[in-house]
């Protein structure tokens, strides 16, 4: 297949679409021929990012609200006639040391990072099955296999999304739908900035230098790196990849 239009005729929903990985993925998918429903909390931010793109429908809504997953699926199908791809990318990463946990932060983290993805996949299932080449892609993390300082709720949620991905692959067997996860390493996004903003300038430089040095490719990740991985998993040619978690971290997780 030519390098362009690799998603020609496809319809996708991408959450967390107003910045970082989601923003890059919406732009890339549309460039590759897909029609995209872009979701995030802020309609204004979505319009700023994607409002000029005729192939993108911006829907600002909290994905954790009751009925939101069903509403997004309905909006995509109404606008574009079908649904082929769901990229569950929305996520939060509040700094949360184990002894400082609160129920409010814990519940919100699990709701955004895991349960909303579960419900969106459930709402989308009939349309993805009708597609014949349905794709569910979840943003996990290299934290899905390890722990990190002051990231209790986030770490648990990313282990959870990895487990959900495997369960979806199992439960949806025979439907033509595959479910896979992407495990980004350190990527320069708003979420990572929220974490490093709590550091001194010296700590931040040391932290970023550590991750750039840990990755054999010698740099930090960029949103387009993850978007390109999502594009690969969204294509029909990925049909034999199912229940997998793809580390997209420049090789950082391969190095002790």
C-alpha atoms as a PDB file:
ATOM      1  CA  UNK A   1       0.000   0.000   0.000  1.00  0.00           C
ATOM      2  CA  UNK A   2       1.333   3.503  -0.763  1.00  0.00           C
ATOM      3  CA  UNK A   3       2.599   5.582   2.104  1.00  0.00           C
ATOM      4  CA  UNK A   4      -0.405   7.890   1.840  1.00  0.00           C
ATOM      5  CA  UNK A   5      -4.068   6.982   2.424  1.00  0.00           C
ATOM      6  CA  UNK A   6      -3.256   3.998   4.598  1.00  0.00           C
ATOM      7  CA  UNK A   7      -6.557   4.553   6.432  1.00  0.00           C
ATOM      8  CA  UNK A   8      -8.626   5.470   3.397  1.00  0.00           C
ATOM      9  CA  UNK A   9     -12.324   4.884   4.062  1.00  0.00           C
ATOM     10  CA  UNK A  10     -11.832   4.306   7.793  1.00  0.00           C
ATOM     11  CA  UNK A  11     -13.632   6.084  10.626  1.00  0.00           C
ATOM     12  CA  UNK A  12     -11.936   6.535  14.004  1.00  0.00           C
ATOM     13  CA  UNK A  13     -12.665   7.890  17.457  1.00  0.00           C
ATOM     14  CA  UNK A  14      -9.626   9.297  19.262  1.00  0.00           C
ATOM     15  CA  UNK A  15      -9.878  10.504  22.864  1.00  0.00           C
ATOM     16  CA  UNK A  16      -7.493  12.893  24.568  1.00  0.00           C
ATOM     17  CA  UNK A  17      -7.304  14.619  21.197  1.00  0.00           C
ATOM     18  CA  UNK A  18      -6.627  18.245  22.116  1.00  0.00           C
ATOM     19  CA  UNK A  19      -2.932  17.861  22.906  1.00  0.00           C
ATOM     20  CA  UNK A  20       0.079  15.597  22.821  1.00  0.00           C
ATOM     21  CA  UNK A  21      -0.344  12.064  21.500  1.00  0.00           C
ATOM     22  CA  UNK A  22      -4.038  12.449  20.735  1.00  0.00           C
ATOM     23  CA  UNK A  23      -3.574  15.651  18.789  1.00  0.00           C
ATOM     24  CA  UNK A  24      -0.797  14.079  16.732  1.00  0.00           C
ATOM     25  CA  UNK A  25      -2.856  10.958  16.097  1.00  0.00           C
ATOM     26  CA  UNK A  26      -5.927  12.865  14.905  1.00  0.00           C
ATOM     27  CA  UNK A  27      -3.810  14.847  12.442  1.00  0.00           C
ATOM     28  CA  UNK A  28      -1.975  11.745  11.219  1.00  0.00           C
ATOM     29  CA  UNK A  29      -5.079   9.591  10.842  1.00  0.00           C
ATOM     30  CA  UNK A  30      -6.839  12.326   8.874  1.00  0.00           C
ATOM     31  CA  UNK A  31      -3.781  12.783   6.667  1.00  0.00           C
ATOM     32  CA  UNK A  32      -3.920   9.053   5.982  1.00  0.00           C
ATOM     33  CA  UNK A  33      -7.507   9.207   4.738  1.00  0.00           C
ATOM     34  CA  UNK A  34      -9.581   8.559   7.861  1.00  0.00           C
ATOM     35  CA  UNK A  35     -12.556  10.493   9.137  1.00  0.00           C
ATOM     36  CA  UNK A  36     -11.993  11.177  12.819  1.00  0.00           C
ATOM     37  CA  UNK A  37     -14.145  12.077  15.791  1.00  0.00           C
ATOM     38  CA  UNK A  38     -11.768  13.928  18.114  1.00  0.00           C
ATOM     39  CA  UNK A  39     -12.755  13.998  21.772  1.00  0.00           C
ATOM     40  CA  UNK A  40     -11.400  15.866  24.760  1.00  0.00           C
ATOM     41  CA  UNK A  41     -12.749  17.871  27.673  1.00  0.00           C
ATOM     42  CA  UNK A  42     -12.602  21.261  25.960  1.00  0.00           C
ATOM     43  CA  UNK A  43     -14.491  21.976  22.754  1.00  0.00           C
ATOM     44  CA  UNK A  44     -12.519  25.192  22.402  1.00  0.00           C
ATOM     45  CA  UNK A  45      -9.151  23.441  22.530  1.00  0.00           C
ATOM     46  CA  UNK A  46     -10.329  20.797  20.085  1.00  0.00           C
ATOM     47  CA  UNK A  47     -11.476  23.462  17.658  1.00  0.00           C
ATOM     48  CA  UNK A  48      -8.136  25.248  17.976  1.00  0.00           C
ATOM     49  CA  UNK A  49      -6.292  22.028  17.105  1.00  0.00           C
ATOM     50  CA  UNK A  50      -8.584  20.508  14.509  1.00  0.00           C
ATOM     51  CA  UNK A  51     -11.424  22.883  13.696  1.00  0.00           C
ATOM     52  CA  UNK A  52     -10.077  23.744  10.247  1.00  0.00           C
ATOM     53  CA  UNK A  53      -9.821  20.086   9.223  1.00  0.00           C
ATOM     54  CA  UNK A  54     -12.948  18.999   7.289  1.00  0.00           C
ATOM     55  CA  UNK A  55     -12.226  15.344   8.061  1.00  0.00           C
ATOM     56  CA  UNK A  56     -12.393  15.870  11.827  1.00  0.00           C
ATOM     57  CA  UNK A  57     -15.487  16.193  14.006  1.00  0.00           C
ATOM     58  CA  UNK A  58     -14.668  17.824  17.350  1.00  0.00           C
ATOM     59  CA  UNK A  59     -16.741  16.716  20.333  1.00  0.00           C
ATOM     60  CA  UNK A  60     -15.859  18.241  23.665  1.00  0.00           C
ATOM     61  CA  UNK A  61     -17.112  16.027  26.474  1.00  0.00           C
ATOM     62  CA  UNK A  62     -15.871  14.389  29.658  1.00  0.00           C
ATOM     63  CA  UNK A  63     -15.403  10.757  28.679  1.00  0.00           C
ATOM     64  CA  UNK A  64     -16.171   9.679  32.267  1.00  0.00           C
ATOM     65  CA  UNK A  65     -19.674  11.185  32.257  1.00  0.00           C
ATOM     66  CA  UNK A  66     -22.606   8.788  32.241  1.00  0.00           C
ATOM     67  CA  UNK A  67     -23.581   8.112  28.649  1.00  0.00           C
ATOM     68  CA  UNK A  68     -20.515   9.825  27.146  1.00  0.00           C
ATOM     69  CA  UNK A  69     -19.038   6.712  25.444  1.00  0.00           C
ATOM     70  CA  UNK A  70     -22.367   5.873  23.846  1.00  0.00           C
ATOM     71  CA  UNK A  71     -22.811   9.488  22.736  1.00  0.00           C
ATOM     72  CA  UNK A  72     -19.378   9.579  21.078  1.00  0.00           C
ATOM     73  CA  UNK A  73     -20.058   6.373  19.171  1.00  0.00           C
ATOM     74  CA  UNK A  74     -23.470   7.641  18.074  1.00  0.00           C
ATOM     75  CA  UNK A  75     -21.982  10.957  16.932  1.00  0.00           C
ATOM     76  CA  UNK A  76     -19.255   9.253  14.890  1.00  0.00           C
ATOM     77  CA  UNK A  77     -21.697   6.903  13.189  1.00  0.00           C
ATOM     78  CA  UNK A  78     -24.180   9.698  12.508  1.00  0.00           C
ATOM     79  CA  UNK A  79     -21.493  11.948  11.011  1.00  0.00           C
ATOM     80  CA  UNK A  80     -19.516   9.359   9.041  1.00  0.00           C
ATOM     81  CA  UNK A  81     -21.821   6.356   8.636  1.00  0.00           C
ATOM     82  CA  UNK A  82     -19.757   3.745  10.453  1.00  0.00           C
ATOM     83  CA  UNK A  83     -16.911   3.138  12.910  1.00  0.00           C
ATOM     84  CA  UNK A  84     -13.719   1.117  12.381  1.00  0.00           C
ATOM     85  CA  UNK A  85     -11.176   2.284  14.972  1.00  0.00           C
ATOM     86  CA  UNK A  86     -11.243   3.344  18.619  1.00  0.00           C
ATOM     87  CA  UNK A  87      -8.071   4.846  20.062  1.00  0.00           C
ATOM     88  CA  UNK A  88      -8.511   5.135  23.825  1.00  0.00           C
ATOM     89  CA  UNK A  89      -5.827   7.701  24.469  1.00  0.00           C
ATOM     90  CA  UNK A  90      -7.313  10.006  27.142  1.00  0.00           C
ATOM     91  CA  UNK A  91      -5.385   9.843  30.377  1.00  0.00           C
ATOM     92  CA  UNK A  92      -4.383  11.628  33.554  1.00  0.00           C
ATOM     93  CA  UNK A  93      -1.242  11.260  35.645  1.00  0.00           C
ATOM     94  CA  UNK A  94      -1.616  13.005  39.011  1.00  0.00           C
ATOM     95  CA  UNK A  95       1.444  12.759  41.269  1.00  0.00           C
ATOM     96  CA  UNK A  96       0.249  10.508  44.082  1.00  0.00           C
ATOM     97  CA  UNK A  97       2.649   8.990  46.625  1.00  0.00           C
ATOM     98  CA  UNK A  98       1.278   5.840  48.222  1.00  0.00           C
ATOM     99  CA  UNK A  99       0.812   7.395  51.670  1.00  0.00           C
ATOM    100  CA  UNK A 100      -0.831  10.536  50.278  1.00  0.00           C
ATOM    101  CA  UNK A 101      -3.560   8.846  48.271  1.00  0.00           C
ATOM    102  CA  UNK A 102      -7.100  10.199  48.307  1.00  0.00           C
ATOM    103  CA  UNK A 103     -10.194   8.375  47.161  1.00  0.00           C
ATOM    104  CA  UNK A 104     -11.158  11.277  44.904  1.00  0.00           C
ATOM    105  CA  UNK A 105      -7.881  11.267  42.962  1.00  0.00           C
ATOM    106  CA  UNK A 106      -7.712   7.477  42.872  1.00  0.00           C
ATOM    107  CA  UNK A 107     -11.262   7.102  41.541  1.00  0.00           C
ATOM    108  CA  UNK A 108     -10.789   9.807  38.909  1.00  0.00           C
ATOM    109  CA  UNK A 109      -7.535   8.290  37.668  1.00  0.00           C
ATOM    110  CA  UNK A 110      -9.061   4.829  37.289  1.00  0.00           C
ATOM    111  CA  UNK A 111     -12.203   6.269  35.691  1.00  0.00           C
ATOM    112  CA  UNK A 112     -10.301   8.186  32.998  1.00  0.00           C
ATOM    113  CA  UNK A 113      -7.455   5.775  32.349  1.00  0.00           C
ATOM    114  CA  UNK A 114      -9.296   2.450  32.520  1.00  0.00           C
ATOM    115  CA  UNK A 115     -13.060   2.454  32.938  1.00  0.00           C
ATOM    116  CA  UNK A 116     -13.811   5.010  30.216  1.00  0.00           C
ATOM    117  CA  UNK A 117     -11.756   2.945  27.770  1.00  0.00           C
ATOM    118  CA  UNK A 118     -13.687  -0.140  28.796  1.00  0.00           C
ATOM    119  CA  UNK A 119     -17.041   1.550  28.241  1.00  0.00           C
ATOM    120  CA  UNK A 120     -16.060   3.116  24.925  1.00  0.00           C
ATOM    121  CA  UNK A 121     -14.913  -0.264  23.624  1.00  0.00           C
ATOM    122  CA  UNK A 122     -18.189  -1.768  24.786  1.00  0.00           C
ATOM    123  CA  UNK A 123     -20.275   0.940  23.121  1.00  0.00           C
ATOM    124  CA  UNK A 124     -18.273   0.666  19.904  1.00  0.00           C
ATOM    125  CA  UNK A 125     -18.283  -3.137  19.669  1.00  0.00           C
ATOM    126  CA  UNK A 126     -21.353  -3.596  17.408  1.00  0.00           C
ATOM    127  CA  UNK A 127     -20.001  -1.098  14.880  1.00  0.00           C
ATOM    128  CA  UNK A 128     -16.434  -2.404  15.038  1.00  0.00           C
ATOM    129  CA  UNK A 129     -17.738  -5.909  14.431  1.00  0.00           C
ATOM    130  CA  UNK A 130     -19.748  -4.698  11.459  1.00  0.00           C
ATOM    131  CA  UNK A 131     -16.543  -3.165  10.094  1.00  0.00           C
ATOM    132  CA  UNK A 132     -14.974  -6.598   9.808  1.00  0.00           C
ATOM    133  CA  UNK A 133     -11.579  -5.079  10.632  1.00  0.00           C
ATOM    134  CA  UNK A 134     -12.374  -3.337  13.911  1.00  0.00           C
ATOM    135  CA  UNK A 135      -9.461  -1.977  15.889  1.00  0.00           C
ATOM    136  CA  UNK A 136      -9.250  -1.043  19.574  1.00  0.00           C
ATOM    137  CA  UNK A 137      -6.005   0.667  20.545  1.00  0.00           C
ATOM    138  CA  UNK A 138      -5.310   1.648  24.148  1.00  0.00           C
ATOM    139  CA  UNK A 139      -2.617   3.966  25.443  1.00  0.00           C
ATOM    140  CA  UNK A 140      -0.893   2.099  28.236  1.00  0.00           C
ATOM    141  CA  UNK A 141       2.638   2.965  29.424  1.00  0.00           C
ATOM    142  CA  UNK A 142       5.949   1.388  30.263  1.00  0.00           C
ATOM    143  CA  UNK A 143       4.513   1.847  33.793  1.00  0.00           C
ATOM    144  CA  UNK A 144       2.245  -1.069  32.852  1.00  0.00           C
ATOM    145  CA  UNK A 145       5.125  -3.370  33.784  1.00  0.00           C
ATOM    146  CA  UNK A 146       6.892  -1.486  36.554  1.00  0.00           C
ATOM    147  CA  UNK A 147       6.419   1.079  39.298  1.00  0.00           C
ATOM    148  CA  UNK A 148       7.425   4.716  39.575  1.00  0.00           C
ATOM    149  CA  UNK A 149       7.982   7.245  42.291  1.00  0.00           C
ATOM    150  CA  UNK A 150       4.802   9.054  43.421  1.00  0.00           C
ATOM    151  CA  UNK A 151       2.684   7.432  40.705  1.00  0.00           C
ATOM    152  CA  UNK A 152       0.516   5.016  42.672  1.00  0.00           C
ATOM    153  CA  UNK A 153      -2.850   5.522  40.981  1.00  0.00           C
ATOM    154  CA  UNK A 154      -1.325   6.013  37.543  1.00  0.00           C
ATOM    155  CA  UNK A 155       0.786   2.862  37.778  1.00  0.00           C
ATOM    156  CA  UNK A 156      -2.193   0.783  38.881  1.00  0.00           C
ATOM    157  CA  UNK A 157      -4.337   2.241  36.084  1.00  0.00           C
ATOM    158  CA  UNK A 158      -1.740   1.428  33.427  1.00  0.00           C
ATOM    159  CA  UNK A 159      -1.418  -2.139  34.674  1.00  0.00           C
ATOM    160  CA  UNK A 160      -5.206  -2.151  34.436  1.00  0.00           C
ATOM    161  CA  UNK A 161      -5.379  -0.945  30.836  1.00  0.00           C
ATOM    162  CA  UNK A 162      -2.854  -3.608  29.857  1.00  0.00           C
ATOM    163  CA  UNK A 163      -5.068  -6.244  31.447  1.00  0.00           C
ATOM    164  CA  UNK A 164      -8.173  -4.791  29.818  1.00  0.00           C
ATOM    165  CA  UNK A 165      -6.473  -4.999  26.425  1.00  0.00           C
ATOM    166  CA  UNK A 166      -5.773  -8.705  26.866  1.00  0.00           C
ATOM    167  CA  UNK A 167      -9.303  -9.323  28.101  1.00  0.00           C
ATOM    168  CA  UNK A 168     -10.824  -7.516  25.111  1.00  0.00           C
ATOM    169  CA  UNK A 169      -8.728  -9.582  22.724  1.00  0.00           C
ATOM    170  CA  UNK A 170     -10.034 -12.717  24.438  1.00  0.00           C
ATOM    171  CA  UNK A 171     -13.671 -11.638  24.770  1.00  0.00           C
ATOM    172  CA  UNK A 172     -13.959 -10.340  21.200  1.00  0.00           C
ATOM    173  CA  UNK A 173     -12.506 -13.413  19.516  1.00  0.00           C
ATOM    174  CA  UNK A 174     -14.248 -14.217  16.269  1.00  0.00           C
ATOM    175  CA  UNK A 175     -15.615 -10.716  15.692  1.00  0.00           C
ATOM    176  CA  UNK A 176     -12.810  -9.428  13.470  1.00  0.00           C
ATOM    177  CA  UNK A 177     -11.931  -6.914  16.198  1.00  0.00           C
ATOM    178  CA  UNK A 178      -8.408  -6.764  17.590  1.00  0.00           C
ATOM    179  CA  UNK A 179      -7.354  -5.020  20.788  1.00  0.00           C
ATOM    180  CA  UNK A 180      -3.795  -3.878  21.398  1.00  0.00           C
ATOM    181  CA  UNK A 181      -2.000  -1.425  23.661  1.00  0.00           C
ATOM    182  CA  UNK A 182       0.855   0.985  23.145  1.00  0.00           C
ATOM    183  CA  UNK A 183       3.353   1.470  25.964  1.00  0.00           C
ATOM    184  CA  UNK A 184       4.985   4.876  25.547  1.00  0.00           C
ATOM    185  CA  UNK A 185       8.147   5.675  27.414  1.00  0.00           C
ATOM    186  CA  UNK A 186       8.867   9.250  28.425  1.00  0.00           C
ATOM    187  CA  UNK A 187       7.114  11.419  25.841  1.00  0.00           C
ATOM    188  CA  UNK A 188       7.047  15.216  25.844  1.00  0.00           C
ATOM    189  CA  UNK A 189       3.340  15.847  26.430  1.00  0.00           C
ATOM    190  CA  UNK A 190       1.171  17.892  28.755  1.00  0.00           C
ATOM    191  CA  UNK A 191       0.970  14.948  31.141  1.00  0.00           C
ATOM    192  CA  UNK A 192       4.738  14.598  31.384  1.00  0.00           C
ATOM    193  CA  UNK A 193       5.047  18.372  31.791  1.00  0.00           C
ATOM    194  CA  UNK A 194       2.636  18.242  34.728  1.00  0.00           C
ATOM    195  CA  UNK A 195       4.967  15.739  36.364  1.00  0.00           C
ATOM    196  CA  UNK A 196       8.247  17.531  35.623  1.00  0.00           C
ATOM    197  CA  UNK A 197       6.806  20.926  36.581  1.00  0.00           C
ATOM    198  CA  UNK A 198       6.910  19.740  40.181  1.00  0.00           C
ATOM    199  CA  UNK A 199      10.691  19.410  39.931  1.00  0.00           C
ATOM    200  CA  UNK A 200      13.375  22.017  40.233  1.00  0.00           C
ATOM    201  CA  UNK A 201      15.097  22.952  36.992  1.00  0.00           C
ATOM    202  CA  UNK A 202      18.085  20.852  37.993  1.00  0.00           C
ATOM    203  CA  UNK A 203      15.883  17.836  38.823  1.00  0.00           C
ATOM    204  CA  UNK A 204      13.969  18.219  35.569  1.00  0.00           C
ATOM    205  CA  UNK A 205      17.153  18.336  33.483  1.00  0.00           C
ATOM    206  CA  UNK A 206      18.543  15.334  35.316  1.00  0.00           C
ATOM    207  CA  UNK A 207      15.273  13.407  34.867  1.00  0.00           C
ATOM    208  CA  UNK A 208      14.999  14.123  31.151  1.00  0.00           C
ATOM    209  CA  UNK A 209      18.675  13.410  30.592  1.00  0.00           C
ATOM    210  CA  UNK A 210      18.243  10.079  32.362  1.00  0.00           C
ATOM    211  CA  UNK A 211      15.404   9.008  30.069  1.00  0.00           C
ATOM    212  CA  UNK A 212      17.090  10.271  26.917  1.00  0.00           C
ATOM    213  CA  UNK A 213      20.221   8.398  27.905  1.00  0.00           C
ATOM    214  CA  UNK A 214      18.346   5.253  28.886  1.00  0.00           C
ATOM    215  CA  UNK A 215      16.803   4.984  25.419  1.00  0.00           C
ATOM    216  CA  UNK A 216      19.276   3.503  22.915  1.00  0.00           C
ATOM    217  CA  UNK A 217      17.919   5.870  20.248  1.00  0.00           C
ATOM    218  CA  UNK A 218      19.281   8.696  22.426  1.00  0.00           C
ATOM    219  CA  UNK A 219      16.311  11.030  22.746  1.00  0.00           C
ATOM    220  CA  UNK A 220      12.961  11.562  24.451  1.00  0.00           C
ATOM    221  CA  UNK A 221       9.794  10.476  22.723  1.00  0.00           C
ATOM    222  CA  UNK A 222       7.580  12.840  20.756  1.00  0.00           C
ATOM    223  CA  UNK A 223       3.798  12.528  20.290  1.00  0.00           C
ATOM    224  CA  UNK A 224       4.205  11.610  16.623  1.00  0.00           C
ATOM    225  CA  UNK A 225       6.233   8.542  17.646  1.00  0.00           C
ATOM    226  CA  UNK A 226       3.197   7.163  19.455  1.00  0.00           C
ATOM    227  CA  UNK A 227       0.784   8.301  16.756  1.00  0.00           C
ATOM    228  CA  UNK A 228       2.783   6.361  14.166  1.00  0.00           C
ATOM    229  CA  UNK A 229       2.519   3.225  16.300  1.00  0.00           C
ATOM    230  CA  UNK A 230      -1.234   3.728  16.583  1.00  0.00           C
ATOM    231  CA  UNK A 231      -1.442   4.101  12.804  1.00  0.00           C
ATOM    232  CA  UNK A 232       0.329   0.763  12.388  1.00  0.00           C
ATOM    233  CA  UNK A 233      -2.078  -0.993  14.767  1.00  0.00           C
ATOM    234  CA  UNK A 234      -5.089   0.677  13.129  1.00  0.00           C
ATOM    235  CA  UNK A 235      -4.357  -0.716   9.677  1.00  0.00           C
ATOM    236  CA  UNK A 236      -5.942  -3.860   8.241  1.00  0.00           C
ATOM    237  CA  UNK A 237      -2.469  -5.366   7.868  1.00  0.00           C
ATOM    238  CA  UNK A 238      -2.115  -5.587  11.671  1.00  0.00           C
ATOM    239  CA  UNK A 239      -4.882  -8.190  11.932  1.00  0.00           C
ATOM    240  CA  UNK A 240      -2.635 -10.940  13.349  1.00  0.00           C
ATOM    241  CA  UNK A 241      -1.489  -8.714  16.219  1.00  0.00           C
ATOM    242  CA  UNK A 242      -3.979  -9.076  19.054  1.00  0.00           C
ATOM    243  CA  UNK A 243      -3.816  -8.742  22.835  1.00  0.00           C
ATOM    244  CA  UNK A 244      -0.314  -7.313  22.541  1.00  0.00           C
ATOM    245  CA  UNK A 245       1.399  -4.381  24.220  1.00  0.00           C
ATOM    246  CA  UNK A 246       3.869  -2.569  21.996  1.00  0.00           C
ATOM    247  CA  UNK A 247       6.645  -0.700  23.809  1.00  0.00           C
ATOM    248  CA  UNK A 248       7.317   2.579  22.000  1.00  0.00           C
ATOM    249  CA  UNK A 249      10.072   3.974  24.166  1.00  0.00           C
ATOM    250  CA  UNK A 250      13.210   4.149  22.030  1.00  0.00           C
ATOM    251  CA  UNK A 251      14.387   0.902  23.610  1.00  0.00           C
ATOM    252  CA  UNK A 252      14.405   2.266  27.177  1.00  0.00           C
ATOM    253  CA  UNK A 253      12.554  -0.712  28.632  1.00  0.00           C
ATOM    254  CA  UNK A 254      15.077  -3.108  27.058  1.00  0.00           C
ATOM    255  CA  UNK A 255      17.909  -1.563  29.052  1.00  0.00           C
ATOM    256  CA  UNK A 256      18.457  -2.306  32.726  1.00  0.00           C
END
